[in-house]
Amino acid sequence: MVRLLNYHGDMSTPGRTYQEYQSFRTELNEKILARGTTITKRFFTIDTKAYEPGAIDRKTKEMLGLSASMVLRCDDCIAYHIDQCILSGATDEELFEILDIALIVGGSIVIPHLRRAVEFIDQCRAHMEESADG
């Protein structure tokens, strides 16, 4: 069973599994969309559409999202974009170059998020291997 870090900032609390993370995200997004205003729903739609392929392919857009999320220091966003980058075919070499750019742009305050990002990359890869094995 792959365990994820706790992406709520308290590293002493046991993390969630990859599936628990995905389930939490899905469940809360459904609640938000069911109860949210038109503005909320439109924002979610724009966010989804922004990552669709256009002049820039989906993988590149997810990589941009990961870099921005690192600089903004949003761990849930980082986890989401790492997952999407990997699902879009990003290699570890590509991911680490993205993390380098974020570190240069964001400075040393990004380092704690860099650590968690590397851990999440490893856990995403492990989940993908487990899924492929059975």
N, C-alpha and C. Protein backbone atom coordinates (compact mmCIF):
# COMPACT_ATOMS: atom_id res chain seq x y z
N MET A 1 0.85 -1.18 0.00
CA MET A 1 0.00 0.00 0.00
C MET A 1 0.89 1.24 0.00
N VAL A 2 0.67 2.10 -0.94
CA VAL A 2 1.42 3.34 -1.04
C VAL A 2 0.79 4.37 -0.12
N ARG A 3 1.57 5.01 0.73
CA ARG A 3 1.08 6.06 1.62
C ARG A 3 1.56 7.41 1.12
N LEU A 4 0.71 8.39 1.15
CA LEU A 4 1.06 9.74 0.74
C LEU A 4 1.35 10.58 1.96
N LEU A 5 2.15 11.60 1.76
CA LEU A 5 2.35 12.58 2.82
C LEU A 5 1.04 13.29 3.08
N ASN A 6 0.90 13.83 4.26
CA ASN A 6 -0.27 14.63 4.59
C ASN A 6 -0.08 16.00 3.94
N TYR A 7 -0.89 16.33 2.96
CA TYR A 7 -0.74 17.58 2.24
C TYR A 7 -1.54 18.71 2.88
N HIS A 8 -1.67 18.66 4.20
CA HIS A 8 -2.31 19.75 4.93
C HIS A 8 -1.31 20.44 5.83
N GLY A 9 -0.02 20.19 5.62
CA GLY A 9 1.02 20.92 6.32
C GLY A 9 1.49 20.29 7.62
N ASP A 10 0.77 19.31 8.16
CA ASP A 10 1.18 18.68 9.41
C ASP A 10 1.85 17.35 9.09
N MET A 11 3.16 17.36 9.07
CA MET A 11 3.91 16.19 8.66
C MET A 11 3.89 15.09 9.71
N SER A 12 3.44 15.36 10.93
CA SER A 12 3.42 14.34 11.97
C SER A 12 2.20 13.42 11.86
N THR A 13 1.19 13.84 11.11
CA THR A 13 -0.01 13.04 10.93
C THR A 13 0.22 12.04 9.80
N PRO A 14 -0.17 10.77 10.00
CA PRO A 14 0.01 9.80 8.91
C PRO A 14 -0.67 10.27 7.64
N GLY A 15 -0.07 9.99 6.51
CA GLY A 15 -0.59 10.42 5.23
C GLY A 15 -1.71 9.55 4.72
N ARG A 16 -2.19 9.89 3.55
CA ARG A 16 -3.25 9.14 2.90
C ARG A 16 -2.65 8.29 1.80
N THR A 17 -3.35 7.23 1.44
CA THR A 17 -2.93 6.45 0.28
C THR A 17 -3.23 7.27 -0.97
N TYR A 18 -2.65 6.86 -2.06
CA TYR A 18 -2.91 7.52 -3.34
C TYR A 18 -4.42 7.54 -3.60
N GLN A 19 -5.08 6.39 -3.40
CA GLN A 19 -6.52 6.31 -3.65
C GLN A 19 -7.31 7.19 -2.70
N GLU A 20 -6.88 7.28 -1.44
CA GLU A 20 -7.55 8.16 -0.48
C GLU A 20 -7.45 9.62 -0.93
N TYR A 21 -6.27 10.00 -1.43
CA TYR A 21 -6.08 11.37 -1.93
C TYR A 21 -7.05 11.64 -3.09
N GLN A 22 -7.09 10.69 -4.04
CA GLN A 22 -7.96 10.86 -5.21
C GLN A 22 -9.43 10.89 -4.81
N SER A 23 -9.81 10.01 -3.88
CA SER A 23 -11.20 9.96 -3.42
C SER A 23 -11.60 11.24 -2.71
N PHE A 24 -10.71 11.74 -1.85
CA PHE A 24 -10.97 12.99 -1.13
C PHE A 24 -11.20 14.13 -2.12
N ARG A 25 -10.30 14.25 -3.09
CA ARG A 25 -10.39 15.31 -4.08
C ARG A 25 -11.69 15.21 -4.86
N THR A 26 -12.02 14.01 -5.33
CA THR A 26 -13.24 13.80 -6.11
C THR A 26 -14.48 14.12 -5.28
N GLU A 27 -14.53 13.58 -4.06
CA GLU A 27 -15.69 13.80 -3.19
C GLU A 27 -15.91 15.28 -2.90
N LEU A 28 -14.85 15.99 -2.56
CA LEU A 28 -15.00 17.41 -2.23
C LEU A 28 -15.32 18.25 -3.46
N ASN A 29 -14.74 17.92 -4.60
CA ASN A 29 -15.09 18.64 -5.82
C ASN A 29 -16.57 18.47 -6.14
N GLU A 30 -17.08 17.23 -5.96
CA GLU A 30 -18.51 17.00 -6.20
C GLU A 30 -19.37 17.83 -5.25
N LYS A 31 -19.00 17.90 -3.98
CA LYS A 31 -19.75 18.71 -3.02
C LYS A 31 -19.71 20.18 -3.40
N ILE A 32 -18.53 20.66 -3.78
CA ILE A 32 -18.38 22.07 -4.15
C ILE A 32 -19.25 22.38 -5.36
N LEU A 33 -19.20 21.52 -6.37
CA LEU A 33 -19.97 21.78 -7.59
C LEU A 33 -21.47 21.64 -7.36
N ALA A 34 -21.88 20.77 -6.44
CA ALA A 34 -23.30 20.61 -6.13
C ALA A 34 -23.85 21.81 -5.37
N ARG A 35 -23.03 22.42 -4.54
CA ARG A 35 -23.51 23.50 -3.68
C ARG A 35 -22.99 24.87 -4.09
N GLY A 36 -22.02 24.91 -4.99
CA GLY A 36 -21.40 26.17 -5.37
C GLY A 36 -22.27 27.05 -6.23
N THR A 37 -21.82 28.28 -6.35
CA THR A 37 -22.53 29.25 -7.17
C THR A 37 -22.15 29.08 -8.64
N THR A 38 -22.81 29.83 -9.48
CA THR A 38 -22.49 29.83 -10.90
C THR A 38 -21.03 30.24 -11.11
N ILE A 39 -20.57 31.19 -10.33
CA ILE A 39 -19.17 31.65 -10.45
C ILE A 39 -18.21 30.51 -10.15
N THR A 40 -18.47 29.77 -9.09
CA THR A 40 -17.63 28.63 -8.74
C THR A 40 -17.61 27.61 -9.87
N LYS A 41 -18.77 27.28 -10.38
CA LYS A 41 -18.89 26.28 -11.44
C LYS A 41 -18.18 26.75 -12.71
N ARG A 42 -18.31 28.01 -13.03
CA ARG A 42 -17.63 28.54 -14.21
C ARG A 42 -16.12 28.51 -14.05
N PHE A 43 -15.66 28.83 -12.84
CA PHE A 43 -14.22 28.79 -12.58
C PHE A 43 -13.68 27.37 -12.76
N PHE A 44 -14.38 26.39 -12.19
CA PHE A 44 -13.95 24.99 -12.35
C PHE A 44 -13.91 24.61 -13.83
N THR A 45 -14.90 25.05 -14.60
CA THR A 45 -14.94 24.76 -16.03
C THR A 45 -13.76 25.40 -16.75
N ILE A 46 -13.49 26.66 -16.45
CA ILE A 46 -12.36 27.36 -17.07
C ILE A 46 -11.04 26.66 -16.72
N ASP A 47 -10.91 26.27 -15.45
CA ASP A 47 -9.70 25.58 -15.02
C ASP A 47 -9.50 24.29 -15.80
N THR A 48 -10.56 23.52 -15.99
CA THR A 48 -10.48 22.26 -16.74
C THR A 48 -10.13 22.54 -18.20
N LYS A 49 -10.81 23.49 -18.80
CA LYS A 49 -10.60 23.79 -20.22
C LYS A 49 -9.21 24.37 -20.50
N ALA A 50 -8.65 25.07 -19.54
CA ALA A 50 -7.33 25.68 -19.73
C ALA A 50 -6.25 24.63 -19.98
N TYR A 51 -6.44 23.42 -19.48
CA TYR A 51 -5.44 22.37 -19.62
C TYR A 51 -5.70 21.44 -20.80
N GLU A 52 -6.76 21.71 -21.56
CA GLU A 52 -7.01 20.92 -22.76
C GLU A 52 -5.98 21.28 -23.82
N PRO A 53 -5.63 20.32 -24.69
CA PRO A 53 -4.65 20.62 -25.74
C PRO A 53 -5.13 21.73 -26.67
N GLY A 54 -4.22 22.57 -27.05
CA GLY A 54 -4.47 23.65 -28.01
C GLY A 54 -3.16 23.88 -28.74
N ALA A 55 -2.72 25.12 -28.82
CA ALA A 55 -1.41 25.41 -29.40
C ALA A 55 -0.31 24.77 -28.55
N ILE A 56 -0.61 24.59 -27.26
CA ILE A 56 0.30 23.91 -26.32
C ILE A 56 -0.37 22.60 -25.92
N ASP A 57 0.41 21.51 -25.96
CA ASP A 57 -0.15 20.21 -25.61
C ASP A 57 -0.43 20.11 -24.11
N ARG A 58 -1.25 19.13 -23.73
CA ARG A 58 -1.68 18.95 -22.34
C ARG A 58 -0.51 18.73 -21.39
N LYS A 59 0.45 17.91 -21.78
CA LYS A 59 1.60 17.62 -20.90
C LYS A 59 2.34 18.90 -20.56
N THR A 60 2.58 19.74 -21.55
CA THR A 60 3.30 20.99 -21.31
C THR A 60 2.49 21.91 -20.40
N LYS A 61 1.18 21.97 -20.62
CA LYS A 61 0.33 22.80 -19.76
C LYS A 61 0.37 22.30 -18.31
N GLU A 62 0.35 20.99 -18.11
CA GLU A 62 0.43 20.44 -16.76
C GLU A 62 1.80 20.75 -16.13
N MET A 63 2.84 20.73 -16.94
CA MET A 63 4.17 21.08 -16.44
C MET A 63 4.21 22.54 -15.99
N LEU A 64 3.58 23.41 -16.77
CA LEU A 64 3.49 24.82 -16.38
C LEU A 64 2.70 24.97 -15.09
N GLY A 65 1.61 24.21 -14.97
CA GLY A 65 0.82 24.23 -13.76
C GLY A 65 1.62 23.76 -12.55
N LEU A 66 2.46 22.75 -12.75
CA LEU A 66 3.29 22.25 -11.65
C LEU A 66 4.29 23.32 -11.21
N SER A 67 4.94 23.96 -12.15
CA SER A 67 5.91 24.99 -11.81
C SER A 67 5.24 26.14 -11.05
N ALA A 68 4.10 26.59 -11.55
CA ALA A 68 3.38 27.68 -10.88
C ALA A 68 2.94 27.25 -9.48
N SER A 69 2.46 26.04 -9.35
CA SER A 69 2.00 25.54 -8.04
C SER A 69 3.15 25.46 -7.04
N MET A 70 4.32 25.08 -7.52
CA MET A 70 5.49 25.04 -6.64
C MET A 70 5.82 26.44 -6.14
N VAL A 71 5.85 27.40 -7.05
CA VAL A 71 6.18 28.78 -6.66
C VAL A 71 5.12 29.35 -5.72
N LEU A 72 3.86 28.99 -5.95
CA LEU A 72 2.77 29.45 -5.08
C LEU A 72 2.68 28.65 -3.79
N ARG A 73 3.42 27.56 -3.71
CA ARG A 73 3.53 26.71 -2.52
C ARG A 73 2.18 26.10 -2.10
N CYS A 74 1.48 25.56 -3.11
CA CYS A 74 0.19 24.90 -2.88
C CYS A 74 0.38 23.39 -3.00
N ASP A 75 0.51 22.70 -1.88
CA ASP A 75 0.79 21.27 -1.90
C ASP A 75 -0.28 20.45 -2.60
N ASP A 76 -1.57 20.76 -2.41
CA ASP A 76 -2.61 20.03 -3.12
C ASP A 76 -2.48 20.24 -4.62
N CYS A 77 -2.18 21.46 -5.02
CA CYS A 77 -1.99 21.76 -6.44
C CYS A 77 -0.77 21.03 -7.00
N ILE A 78 0.30 21.02 -6.23
CA ILE A 78 1.52 20.31 -6.63
C ILE A 78 1.21 18.84 -6.85
N ALA A 79 0.54 18.22 -5.89
CA ALA A 79 0.19 16.80 -6.00
C ALA A 79 -0.67 16.56 -7.24
N TYR A 80 -1.66 17.40 -7.46
CA TYR A 80 -2.53 17.24 -8.62
C TYR A 80 -1.73 17.32 -9.92
N HIS A 81 -0.89 18.34 -10.04
CA HIS A 81 -0.16 18.52 -11.30
C HIS A 81 0.92 17.46 -11.50
N ILE A 82 1.52 16.97 -10.42
CA ILE A 82 2.46 15.85 -10.57
C ILE A 82 1.72 14.65 -11.13
N ASP A 83 0.57 14.34 -10.55
CA ASP A 83 -0.24 13.22 -11.02
C ASP A 83 -0.60 13.40 -12.50
N GLN A 84 -1.05 14.59 -12.87
CA GLN A 84 -1.44 14.85 -14.25
C GLN A 84 -0.24 14.81 -15.19
N CYS A 85 0.90 15.32 -14.75
CA CYS A 85 2.12 15.26 -15.56
C CYS A 85 2.50 13.81 -15.84
N ILE A 86 2.47 12.99 -14.80
CA ILE A 86 2.83 11.58 -14.96
C ILE A 86 1.82 10.87 -15.87
N LEU A 87 0.54 11.13 -15.67
CA LEU A 87 -0.48 10.53 -16.54
C LEU A 87 -0.32 11.00 -17.99
N SER A 88 0.23 12.19 -18.18
CA SER A 88 0.46 12.73 -19.53
C SER A 88 1.78 12.26 -20.12
N GLY A 89 2.54 11.46 -19.37
CA GLY A 89 3.77 10.89 -19.91
C GLY A 89 5.05 11.58 -19.52
N ALA A 90 5.02 12.48 -18.56
CA ALA A 90 6.25 13.17 -18.14
C ALA A 90 7.23 12.19 -17.50
N THR A 91 8.48 12.34 -17.84
CA THR A 91 9.53 11.51 -17.25
C THR A 91 10.01 12.16 -15.95
N ASP A 92 10.71 11.39 -15.14
CA ASP A 92 11.29 11.97 -13.92
C ASP A 92 12.28 13.08 -14.26
N GLU A 93 13.02 12.91 -15.34
CA GLU A 93 13.97 13.94 -15.75
C GLU A 93 13.25 15.25 -16.06
N GLU A 94 12.12 15.16 -16.76
CA GLU A 94 11.33 16.36 -17.05
C GLU A 94 10.79 16.97 -15.76
N LEU A 95 10.27 16.12 -14.88
CA LEU A 95 9.71 16.63 -13.62
C LEU A 95 10.77 17.34 -12.79
N PHE A 96 11.98 16.78 -12.73
CA PHE A 96 13.03 17.41 -11.94
C PHE A 96 13.50 18.73 -12.56
N GLU A 97 13.46 18.84 -13.88
CA GLU A 97 13.79 20.13 -14.50
C GLU A 97 12.71 21.17 -14.17
N ILE A 98 11.47 20.75 -14.13
CA ILE A 98 10.38 21.66 -13.74
C ILE A 98 10.60 22.12 -12.29
N LEU A 99 10.94 21.18 -11.43
CA LEU A 99 11.20 21.52 -10.03
C LEU A 99 12.38 22.47 -9.91
N ASP A 100 13.39 22.31 -10.77
CA ASP A 100 14.53 23.23 -10.77
C ASP A 100 14.09 24.65 -11.11
N ILE A 101 13.25 24.77 -12.15
CA ILE A 101 12.76 26.10 -12.55
C ILE A 101 11.98 26.73 -11.40
N ALA A 102 11.12 25.94 -10.76
CA ALA A 102 10.33 26.46 -9.63
C ALA A 102 11.24 26.90 -8.49
N LEU A 103 12.29 26.16 -8.25
CA LEU A 103 13.22 26.51 -7.18
C LEU A 103 13.93 27.82 -7.50
N ILE A 104 14.34 27.99 -8.74
CA ILE A 104 15.01 29.23 -9.15
C ILE A 104 14.06 30.42 -9.04
N VAL A 105 12.83 30.25 -9.54
CA VAL A 105 11.86 31.35 -9.52
C VAL A 105 11.40 31.64 -8.10
N GLY A 106 11.11 30.58 -7.33
CA GLY A 106 10.52 30.76 -6.01
C GLY A 106 11.51 30.96 -4.88
N GLY A 107 12.75 30.52 -5.06
CA GLY A 107 13.77 30.66 -4.02
C GLY A 107 13.71 29.56 -2.98
N SER A 108 14.48 29.72 -1.94
CA SER A 108 14.65 28.67 -0.94
C SER A 108 13.37 28.33 -0.18
N ILE A 109 12.39 29.22 -0.17
CA ILE A 109 11.14 28.92 0.53
C ILE A 109 10.39 27.77 -0.15
N VAL A 110 10.75 27.45 -1.38
CA VAL A 110 10.13 26.36 -2.13
C VAL A 110 10.68 24.99 -1.69
N ILE A 111 11.83 24.96 -1.02
CA ILE A 111 12.50 23.70 -0.69
C ILE A 111 11.60 22.71 0.06
N PRO A 112 10.85 23.10 1.10
CA PRO A 112 9.97 22.12 1.74
C PRO A 112 8.96 21.49 0.77
N HIS A 113 8.47 22.28 -0.16
CA HIS A 113 7.52 21.78 -1.16
C HIS A 113 8.23 20.90 -2.18
N LEU A 114 9.48 21.20 -2.45
CA LEU A 114 10.30 20.36 -3.31
C LEU A 114 10.43 18.96 -2.71
N ARG A 115 10.70 18.90 -1.41
CA ARG A 115 10.81 17.60 -0.73
C ARG A 115 9.51 16.81 -0.87
N ARG A 116 8.39 17.45 -0.59
CA ARG A 116 7.11 16.75 -0.68
C ARG A 116 6.78 16.38 -2.13
N ALA A 117 7.18 17.22 -3.07
CA ALA A 117 6.95 16.92 -4.48
C ALA A 117 7.71 15.66 -4.89
N VAL A 118 8.96 15.56 -4.48
CA VAL A 118 9.77 14.38 -4.82
C VAL A 118 9.13 13.13 -4.21
N GLU A 119 8.68 13.23 -2.97
CA GLU A 119 8.01 12.10 -2.33
C GLU A 119 6.75 11.72 -3.08
N PHE A 120 5.98 12.73 -3.53
CA PHE A 120 4.75 12.44 -4.25
C PHE A 120 5.04 11.82 -5.62
N ILE A 121 6.09 12.28 -6.29
CA ILE A 121 6.49 11.66 -7.56
C ILE A 121 6.75 10.17 -7.34
N ASP A 122 7.53 9.85 -6.31
CA ASP A 122 7.84 8.44 -6.02
C ASP A 122 6.57 7.65 -5.74
N GLN A 123 5.65 8.25 -4.99
CA GLN A 123 4.43 7.55 -4.64
C GLN A 123 3.50 7.39 -5.85
N CYS A 124 3.46 8.37 -6.72
CA CYS A 124 2.67 8.24 -7.95
C CYS A 124 3.23 7.13 -8.82
N ARG A 125 4.54 7.11 -8.95
CA ARG A 125 5.17 6.05 -9.75
C ARG A 125 4.88 4.68 -9.15
N ALA A 126 4.97 4.56 -7.84
CA ALA A 126 4.69 3.28 -7.17
C ALA A 126 3.24 2.87 -7.39
N HIS A 127 2.32 3.83 -7.32
CA HIS A 127 0.91 3.53 -7.56
C HIS A 127 0.71 3.04 -8.99
N MET A 128 1.36 3.71 -9.94
CA MET A 128 1.22 3.31 -11.34
C MET A 128 1.75 1.88 -11.55
N GLU A 129 2.86 1.55 -10.90
CA GLU A 129 3.41 0.19 -11.00
C GLU A 129 2.46 -0.83 -10.38
N GLU A 130 1.91 -0.50 -9.20
CA GLU A 130 0.96 -1.40 -8.55
C GLU A 130 -0.27 -1.61 -9.42
N SER A 131 -0.75 -0.54 -10.05
CA SER A 131 -1.92 -0.63 -10.92
C SER A 131 -1.64 -1.49 -12.14
N ALA A 132 -0.43 -1.36 -12.68
CA ALA A 132 -0.06 -2.13 -13.86
C ALA A 132 0.11 -3.61 -13.53
N ASP A 133 0.54 -3.91 -12.30
CA ASP A 133 0.77 -5.30 -11.89
C ASP A 133 -0.52 -6.04 -11.54
N GLY A 134 -1.56 -5.33 -11.32
CA GLY A 134 -2.74 -6.11 -11.01
C GLY A 134 -3.86 -5.38 -10.49
